[in-house]
Amino acid sequence: MKTVFYIIFFTGFGFYGIAQKPNEQFNKSFIAYTIPEKDLLPENVAYDPTDMSFYIGSTRKGKIIKRSKDGTYRDFVKPQQDGLHMIIGMKVDPVRRYLWVCSSGGNNLIGYSRKDKNEGRPAGIFKYDLQTGKLIKKYWIDIPGEVHFFNDIVLDTSGNLYTTHMFSNPILYTIQNDNDELKILTPLSEIKYPNGITISDDQTYLFVAHSKGITRIHIKTGKKQNIQHPENNITSSESIDGLYFFKNSLIGIQPGKNSVKKFVLNAEQNTIIKTIPLEYNHPMMNNPTTGVLVDNELYYIANAQFGSFNKDGSLFSMEKLYEPTILKVKLDD
């Protein structure tokens, strides 16, 4: 997420001298696979259970890679095809056979030169056919002087989409099956930098991560409630990027802390009653971002490498970059 890119560079990843003590570690993750494209700068990964394939989006190239079950890779959507910018959140709808994609303007993207204050920042949601890779529809916002940024996506069991929009006007948007239009579900003026989003198993609540914690939103009424966390507030560098609902718990990826945690909820789903660490300072981590649930495991991007830019704005040389790594961690104790 673009606002977090700069924060993460300083808090989530650093270069340490020999005399400095090593970071504490708690490692439960395993390497699922790596992607042989060092300069991809991926932000999100999606999964199609039908053919057991993964989709990885690039903020740098504005393209989407498909990794098939046999481990082969190919471009599912070519760089900046259909007007794509940075690829941010993605979700597969395995029933209707769609790939939903958040795409937004930003400096990670090759060739991007627009200035927010003067020209604004464009953003949109793209709906692709999983079988053909063809664009079905684009829901695009590009207004001079306005800064837009679609961040993450969640789908309900009926295929209705909910997406977070950050920056100038924090908003929760939706695309419902019955009208297929991008519409405002509720403003998020109380929230700064809405980010990861997930939905309860009973389809009643949306949970949205932001710079000050997690907010629960009742889908039908729009009522908002901050999730209480008596043990430790989730704020600042501890803020969550990817957020997932799993067995009455919220799974959160915290880039600023190089960590993945399980936040166990109470029966009312309004309070975190226990925090269980799942991963902390894995050796492959360099700006972990988001992931996808596959059965009882979370597959997530370990090293988006968003801080890998020189002072002149150029990307580090290939010798200083690593192959993007997807880690997986079991969510059950």
Protein backbone atom coordinates (compact mmCIF):
# COMPACT_ATOMS: atom_id res chain seq x y z
CA MET A 1 0.00 0.00 0.00
CA LYS A 2 1.52 3.23 -1.08
CA THR A 3 1.26 5.20 2.13
CA VAL A 4 2.88 2.40 4.01
CA PHE A 5 5.67 1.97 1.46
CA TYR A 6 7.68 4.85 2.90
CA ILE A 7 6.96 3.96 6.53
CA ILE A 8 7.87 0.34 5.96
CA PHE A 9 11.18 1.23 4.38
CA PHE A 10 12.39 2.73 7.62
CA THR A 11 10.64 0.57 10.19
CA GLY A 12 10.22 -2.83 8.64
CA PHE A 13 13.58 -3.41 7.06
CA GLY A 14 17.05 -2.12 7.79
CA PHE A 15 20.69 -2.80 7.19
CA TYR A 16 22.49 -3.80 10.36
CA GLY A 17 26.13 -3.52 11.29
CA ILE A 18 28.22 -6.36 12.63
CA ALA A 19 28.23 -4.98 16.16
CA GLN A 20 24.44 -4.84 16.37
CA LYS A 21 22.61 -7.64 18.14
CA PRO A 22 20.60 -9.91 15.84
CA ASN A 23 16.84 -9.51 15.80
CA GLU A 24 14.74 -11.87 17.84
CA GLN A 25 13.15 -14.57 15.72
CA PHE A 26 10.18 -16.88 15.92
CA ASN A 27 9.94 -18.89 12.74
CA LYS A 28 7.11 -21.26 11.81
CA SER A 29 6.92 -20.44 8.10
CA PHE A 30 8.26 -22.51 5.22
CA ILE A 31 9.15 -21.38 1.72
CA ALA A 32 6.27 -22.30 -0.58
CA TYR A 33 7.95 -21.05 -3.75
CA THR A 34 10.00 -18.23 -5.19
CA ILE A 35 9.38 -16.20 -8.33
CA PRO A 36 12.27 -15.92 -10.81
CA GLU A 37 11.78 -12.20 -11.42
CA LYS A 38 13.73 -10.10 -8.94
CA ASP A 39 12.32 -6.72 -9.96
CA LEU A 40 8.65 -7.70 -9.66
CA LEU A 41 7.97 -5.87 -6.35
CA PRO A 42 4.81 -7.89 -5.67
CA GLU A 43 2.14 -6.69 -3.25
CA ASN A 44 -0.53 -9.38 -3.36
CA VAL A 45 -1.10 -13.04 -4.09
CA ALA A 46 -4.41 -14.77 -4.90
CA TYR A 47 -5.33 -18.45 -5.18
CA ASP A 48 -7.69 -20.42 -7.40
CA PRO A 49 -8.71 -23.69 -5.69
CA THR A 50 -10.18 -25.02 -8.94
CA ASP A 51 -6.84 -25.62 -10.61
CA MET A 52 -4.58 -24.89 -7.59
CA SER A 53 -2.92 -21.93 -9.28
CA PHE A 54 -1.60 -18.72 -7.75
CA TYR A 55 -1.75 -15.18 -9.12
CA ILE A 56 0.91 -12.66 -8.17
CA GLY A 57 0.60 -8.95 -8.95
CA SER A 58 3.48 -6.57 -9.64
CA THR A 59 3.57 -2.97 -8.43
CA ARG A 60 6.67 -2.38 -10.53
CA LYS A 61 5.48 -3.70 -13.89
CA GLY A 62 1.72 -3.44 -13.59
CA LYS A 63 1.21 -7.05 -14.58
CA ILE A 64 -0.14 -10.31 -13.15
CA ILE A 65 1.74 -13.61 -13.14
CA LYS A 66 0.04 -16.99 -12.99
CA ARG A 67 1.84 -19.84 -11.24
CA SER A 68 0.31 -23.14 -12.26
CA LYS A 69 0.10 -26.25 -10.10
CA ASP A 70 3.14 -27.74 -11.86
CA GLY A 71 5.25 -24.74 -10.81
CA THR A 72 5.44 -23.05 -14.22
CA TYR A 73 4.98 -19.30 -14.59
CA ARG A 74 3.53 -17.11 -17.29
CA ASP A 75 2.14 -13.60 -17.62
CA PHE A 76 -1.60 -13.86 -17.10
CA VAL A 77 -2.00 -10.14 -17.85
CA LYS A 78 0.80 -8.32 -19.67
CA PRO A 79 2.53 -5.22 -18.23
CA GLN A 80 0.14 -2.25 -18.03
CA GLN A 81 -2.36 -4.08 -20.24
CA ASP A 82 -5.89 -2.63 -20.16
CA GLY A 83 -4.54 0.49 -18.45
CA LEU A 84 -3.29 -1.34 -15.36
CA HIS A 85 -1.09 0.58 -12.96
CA MET A 86 0.42 -0.89 -9.77
CA ILE A 87 -1.27 -4.17 -8.89
CA ILE A 88 -2.39 -4.05 -5.26
CA GLY A 89 -5.15 -6.26 -3.76
CA MET A 90 -6.46 -9.28 -5.69
CA LYS A 91 -9.06 -11.96 -5.07
CA VAL A 92 -10.22 -15.00 -7.03
CA ASP A 93 -13.94 -15.74 -7.32
CA PRO A 94 -13.74 -19.49 -7.96
CA VAL A 95 -17.49 -19.89 -8.50
CA ARG A 96 -18.04 -17.17 -11.10
CA ARG A 97 -14.48 -17.59 -12.44
CA TYR A 98 -13.30 -14.00 -12.00
CA LEU A 99 -10.04 -12.48 -10.89
CA TRP A 100 -10.71 -9.15 -9.16
CA VAL A 101 -7.82 -6.69 -9.09
CA CYS A 102 -7.12 -3.36 -7.35
CA SER A 103 -4.86 -1.16 -9.43
CA SER A 104 -3.63 2.29 -8.48
CA GLY A 105 -1.13 4.87 -9.61
CA GLY A 106 2.16 5.22 -7.77
CA ASN A 107 5.89 5.71 -8.08
CA ASN A 108 6.73 2.01 -7.91
CA LEU A 109 5.31 1.64 -11.42
CA ILE A 110 7.72 1.91 -14.33
CA GLY A 111 7.09 5.14 -16.24
CA TYR A 112 4.72 6.68 -13.71
CA SER A 113 5.32 10.43 -13.44
CA ARG A 114 2.06 12.00 -12.31
CA LYS A 115 2.06 14.32 -9.29
CA ASP A 116 -0.76 13.92 -6.79
CA LYS A 117 -1.35 17.63 -6.13
CA ASN A 118 -1.45 18.70 -9.75
CA GLU A 119 -2.68 15.75 -11.77
CA GLY A 120 -4.23 13.54 -9.15
CA ARG A 121 -3.80 9.80 -8.83
CA PRO A 122 -5.93 7.29 -10.76
CA ALA A 123 -7.22 4.00 -9.36
CA GLY A 124 -9.71 1.32 -10.22
CA ILE A 125 -11.03 -2.20 -9.92
CA PHE A 126 -10.51 -4.64 -12.80
CA LYS A 127 -12.54 -7.80 -13.39
CA TYR A 128 -10.82 -10.52 -15.44
CA ASP A 129 -12.03 -13.82 -16.85
CA LEU A 130 -10.01 -16.57 -15.17
CA GLN A 131 -10.30 -18.84 -18.18
CA THR A 132 -9.14 -16.42 -20.85
CA GLY A 133 -7.35 -13.62 -19.04
CA LYS A 134 -9.56 -11.14 -20.86
CA LEU A 135 -10.79 -7.99 -19.17
CA ILE A 136 -14.53 -8.16 -18.48
CA LYS A 137 -14.99 -4.71 -16.97
CA LYS A 138 -12.99 -1.83 -15.51
CA TYR A 139 -14.29 0.46 -12.76
CA TRP A 140 -11.92 3.40 -13.10
CA ILE A 141 -11.62 6.74 -11.29
CA ASP A 142 -9.33 9.41 -12.75
CA ILE A 143 -10.15 12.99 -11.79
CA PRO A 144 -7.52 15.76 -12.02
CA GLY A 145 -6.40 16.89 -8.58
CA GLU A 146 -8.02 13.96 -6.76
CA VAL A 147 -5.87 11.25 -5.17
CA HIS A 148 -7.42 7.78 -5.35
CA PHE A 149 -6.06 4.44 -4.20
CA PHE A 150 -7.91 1.13 -4.03
CA ASN A 151 -6.12 -1.03 -1.54
CA ASP A 152 -7.57 -4.46 -0.85
CA ILE A 153 -10.57 -6.64 -1.70
CA VAL A 154 -12.79 -9.20 -0.05
CA LEU A 155 -15.67 -11.19 -1.57
CA ASP A 156 -18.71 -12.59 0.18
CA THR A 157 -20.10 -16.02 -0.67
CA SER A 158 -22.47 -14.48 -3.23
CA GLY A 159 -19.59 -12.87 -5.10
CA ASN A 160 -20.30 -9.31 -3.94
CA LEU A 161 -17.11 -7.29 -3.66
CA TYR A 162 -15.97 -4.91 -0.93
CA THR A 163 -12.85 -2.78 -1.28
CA THR A 164 -10.95 -0.24 0.80
CA HIS A 165 -10.11 3.15 -0.66
CA MET A 166 -7.49 5.24 1.12
CA PHE A 167 -5.88 8.69 0.90
CA SER A 168 -7.98 11.79 0.19
CA ASN A 169 -11.35 10.28 1.06
CA PRO A 170 -11.23 7.00 2.99
CA ILE A 171 -14.23 5.05 1.71
CA LEU A 172 -15.53 1.51 1.68
CA TYR A 173 -16.76 0.73 -1.84
CA THR A 174 -18.77 -2.22 -3.07
CA ILE A 175 -19.65 -3.88 -6.37
CA GLN A 176 -22.84 -5.91 -6.02
CA ASN A 177 -23.83 -8.66 -8.41
CA ASP A 178 -27.28 -7.25 -9.03
CA ASN A 179 -26.07 -3.94 -10.49
CA ASP A 180 -22.37 -4.48 -11.31
CA GLU A 181 -21.50 -0.86 -10.49
CA LEU A 182 -18.88 0.64 -8.20
CA LYS A 183 -20.77 2.30 -5.36
CA ILE A 184 -20.00 3.72 -1.93
CA LEU A 185 -21.06 1.37 0.86
CA THR A 186 -20.03 3.71 3.67
CA PRO A 187 -17.55 6.56 4.25
CA LEU A 188 -14.59 5.75 6.46
CA SER A 189 -13.84 9.28 7.68
CA GLU A 190 -13.14 7.92 11.18
CA ILE A 191 -10.33 5.76 9.79
CA LYS A 192 -6.88 6.79 8.60
CA TYR A 193 -5.39 4.71 5.78
CA PRO A 194 -7.88 1.82 5.51
CA ASN A 195 -5.92 -1.18 4.35
CA GLY A 196 -6.55 -4.93 4.61
CA ILE A 197 -10.15 -6.13 4.66
CA THR A 198 -11.81 -9.44 5.51
CA ILE A 199 -15.29 -10.79 6.24
CA SER A 200 -16.72 -12.95 9.03
CA ASP A 201 -17.76 -16.49 8.18
CA ASP A 202 -21.42 -15.66 8.75
CA GLN A 203 -21.15 -12.75 6.26
CA THR A 204 -22.33 -10.24 8.89
CA TYR A 205 -19.23 -8.13 9.48
CA LEU A 206 -16.37 -6.64 7.52
CA PHE A 207 -13.11 -6.07 9.38
CA VAL A 208 -10.86 -3.26 8.12
CA ALA A 209 -7.27 -2.74 9.23
CA HIS A 210 -5.97 0.83 9.42
CA SER A 211 -3.22 2.91 11.01
CA LYS A 212 -4.85 2.85 14.46
CA GLY A 213 -6.08 -0.73 14.65
CA ILE A 214 -9.03 -2.71 13.29
CA THR A 215 -12.61 -1.55 12.78
CA ARG A 216 -15.62 -3.83 12.45
CA ILE A 217 -18.42 -2.77 10.09
CA HIS A 218 -21.89 -4.31 10.03
CA ILE A 219 -22.57 -4.85 6.33
CA LYS A 220 -26.33 -4.25 6.43
CA THR A 221 -26.47 -1.34 8.86
CA GLY A 222 -23.06 0.26 8.30
CA LYS A 223 -22.50 0.50 12.06
CA LYS A 224 -18.78 0.77 12.91
CA GLN A 225 -17.03 -0.42 16.03
CA ASN A 226 -13.33 -0.43 16.87
CA ILE A 227 -12.05 -3.85 17.85
CA GLN A 228 -10.78 -3.73 21.42
CA HIS A 229 -7.35 -5.15 22.12
CA PRO A 230 -6.54 -5.04 25.83
CA GLU A 231 -3.15 -6.70 25.47
CA ASN A 232 -1.56 -4.23 23.10
CA ASN A 233 -2.88 -1.57 20.74
CA ILE A 234 -2.26 -2.16 17.04
CA THR A 235 -1.00 1.24 15.97
CA SER A 236 1.72 3.03 14.04
CA SER A 237 4.49 0.66 12.92
CA GLU A 238 2.43 -2.28 14.18
CA SER A 239 -0.41 -1.56 11.76
CA ILE A 240 -1.72 -4.45 9.71
CA ASP A 241 -1.49 -4.81 5.94
CA GLY A 242 -3.05 -8.17 4.98
CA LEU A 243 -6.03 -9.20 7.14
CA TYR A 244 -7.87 -12.55 7.07
CA PHE A 245 -10.71 -14.19 9.01
CA PHE A 246 -10.02 -17.74 10.19
CA LYS A 247 -12.00 -19.72 12.78
CA ASN A 248 -13.16 -16.72 14.81
CA SER A 249 -9.70 -15.17 14.64
CA LEU A 250 -8.14 -12.42 12.59
CA ILE A 251 -4.82 -13.20 10.93
CA GLY A 252 -2.76 -10.05 10.47
CA ILE A 253 0.47 -9.37 8.59
CA GLN A 254 2.38 -6.49 10.19
CA PRO A 255 5.10 -5.19 7.84
CA GLY A 256 6.52 -2.74 10.38
CA LYS A 257 7.11 -5.60 12.80
CA ASN A 258 8.09 -8.28 10.27
CA SER A 259 5.42 -10.45 11.81
CA VAL A 260 2.31 -12.54 11.26
CA LYS A 261 -0.08 -12.89 14.19
CA LYS A 262 -3.36 -14.58 15.04
CA PHE A 263 -5.76 -12.34 16.96
CA VAL A 264 -8.34 -14.55 18.66
CA LEU A 265 -11.76 -12.89 19.01
CA ASN A 266 -14.38 -13.25 21.70
CA ALA A 267 -17.80 -14.74 20.90
CA GLU A 268 -19.21 -11.28 20.08
CA GLN A 269 -16.31 -10.64 17.67
CA ASN A 270 -15.64 -7.18 19.06
CA THR A 271 -12.58 -7.82 21.25
CA ILE A 272 -9.24 -9.55 20.79
CA ILE A 273 -8.82 -11.87 23.76
CA LYS A 274 -5.54 -13.50 22.79
CA THR A 275 -2.63 -12.87 20.45
CA ILE A 276 -0.70 -15.83 19.04
CA PRO A 277 2.53 -15.17 17.12
CA LEU A 278 2.81 -17.16 13.90
CA GLU A 279 5.95 -15.62 12.44
CA TYR A 280 8.47 -13.02 13.53
CA ASN A 281 11.55 -11.84 11.64
CA HIS A 282 11.81 -14.68 9.15
CA PRO A 283 15.20 -14.42 7.37
CA MET A 284 13.46 -13.91 4.02
CA MET A 285 11.35 -10.98 5.22
CA ASN A 286 11.88 -7.62 3.56
CA ASN A 287 8.53 -5.84 3.74
CA PRO A 288 5.99 -8.68 4.08
CA THR A 289 2.65 -7.50 2.71
CA THR A 290 -0.39 -9.66 2.06
CA GLY A 291 -1.39 -13.23 1.32
CA VAL A 292 -4.20 -15.71 0.81
CA LEU A 293 -5.75 -18.49 2.88
CA VAL A 294 -5.39 -21.99 1.44
CA ASP A 295 -7.15 -24.49 3.70
CA ASN A 296 -5.49 -24.03 7.12
CA GLU A 297 -2.40 -22.21 5.84
CA LEU A 298 -1.59 -18.63 4.96
CA TYR A 299 0.53 -18.11 1.85
CA TYR A 300 2.02 -14.62 1.94
CA ILE A 301 4.56 -12.38 0.25
CA ALA A 302 7.65 -12.22 2.43
CA ASN A 303 9.78 -9.70 0.56
CA ALA A 304 7.97 -7.09 -1.50
CA GLN A 305 11.22 -5.03 -1.37
CA PHE A 306 9.41 -1.69 -1.63
CA GLY A 307 12.37 0.09 -0.05
CA SER A 308 14.79 -1.05 -2.75
CA PHE A 309 15.17 2.31 -4.48
CA ASN A 310 18.15 4.62 -4.78
CA LYS A 311 17.94 8.30 -3.84
CA ASP A 312 17.46 9.25 -7.49
CA GLY A 313 14.35 7.05 -7.68
CA SER A 314 15.96 4.23 -9.62
CA LEU A 315 15.51 0.62 -8.53
CA PHE A 316 18.44 -1.21 -6.95
CA SER A 317 20.54 -3.26 -9.32
CA MET A 318 19.62 -6.92 -9.74
CA GLU A 319 22.61 -7.93 -7.60
CA LYS A 320 20.99 -6.20 -4.61
CA LEU A 321 17.52 -7.69 -5.10
CA TYR A 322 16.14 -11.10 -4.17
CA GLU A 323 13.67 -13.37 -5.88
CA PRO A 324 10.20 -12.68 -4.46
CA THR A 325 9.45 -15.35 -1.90
CA ILE A 326 6.07 -16.75 -0.91
CA LEU A 327 6.08 -18.18 2.60
CA LYS A 328 3.41 -20.40 4.10
CA VAL A 329 2.48 -20.87 7.73
CA LYS A 330 -0.05 -23.14 9.40
CA LEU A 331 -2.80 -21.28 11.25
CA ASP A 332 -3.92 -24.04 13.57
CA ASP A 333 -2.07 -24.47 16.85
